[in-house]
Amino acid sequence: MRKKWGSLGIGLCLVLSLSGCTLFNMDKETPIEEPVTFGFTGMDLTDPAYRAALAEVQSAAEANGDAVITFDPQLDNERQIEGIKQMLDQGIDLLFLGPVDVDGILPALKACREAQVPVICFDSQVSDSEYTAAFIGGDNYQLGVLIGEQILKDHPEGGKLGMLNNPLARSVTSRVLGILDTLEGSAVEVVASAEVTLYEEVLPAAETLLSEYPEINILWGFNDDITLLMHSLVLAAGRQDRISLYGTGSLYHDAGTDILLQAVEKGFVRAASVQSPAQWGVLLQQLGYQLLSGKTLKAEYLTDSQIINQDNLDNYETEE
């Protein structure tokens, strides 16, 4: 049998120390003697952010001779619950969970507790955190604050803001709250905020923002795809010269994947607040091994948030 030890690199130690989190008391760590099977499910595994996190998890598990079972719920809460139960039946030792519905996922969390399988959440924390060992993700509130600050900088005279929101995803609602808190008392007014929870709701909701609120001159998209969809609709409406578009998404350090970064470079998006999903994956795997070796984790581990705009584009590599 082999012994496996979770180890955090210097870069991640720095991230955690800057976020106010401390690492573990390594003196109490015990080795994991048996092969481990991890379960991994996120809101939508076709999303580049979840793929980036999963790639890191799979890479680390493979290096240790361990296994990762995945399940794609395709933004369906009931499907995710059933998928988690299937993974429990397959004998997973630990679940990495990006919940579709932070409230509705409770039956699956209870099933994990009954099976004595610990859960580490990522991207969005569940409503009842007593069922999870830790949460790993970007500082979603700060991602919203960064957008709010950029909007105020670009529109000191004020403006009319429209946005979409997903009330089932705490990552999104936290971003919205960060924007609203930052804009409070300013001359920028949120005139429309439409709720979407399914793919098929996004396009009509975005079209409604533009057609029913002609006064909108600022738009914000809560992820990469939503932002680029909004850009297409703005172009189709011929309002690209009258609307400033902002987005929040992910930075992959991959010219073929960093579509939001490229959109800022080309002027399609005025600025974007971003996080690194690959950091989620590294932390998930490392902290997962720590948890299985008997460590008690901190409640929350937040990765860095950044703003990308025309002033700092030179700090990032974009596709030629």
Foldseek 3Di string as FASTA:
>chain_A
DDWDAQDDDPVQCVQQVVVVHHDFDVVQFFTDDDAAEEEEEAQACVDVLNVLLVVLQQVVSVVVVHYYHYDGQQLDQVSVLVVLVVVVVVPHQEYEYHHSFLESNVVSLVVCVVSVHAYEYELAHHPDLVSHLAYEYAQLLVQLLVVLVVCCVVCVVEAEEEEEAAPRGRSRVSSVVSNCVSCPPGRYYHPYYHYDRHPVPLLVVLLCCVPVCVRHAEYEYEEDVSQVSNLVSCVVVVNQVRHAYEYEYEDALDQVPPVVLVCQVVVSHAKYKYFHSNVVNSCCNSVVSRVVSPIRGDHYRHGDIDMDHPVCSVVGDHDD
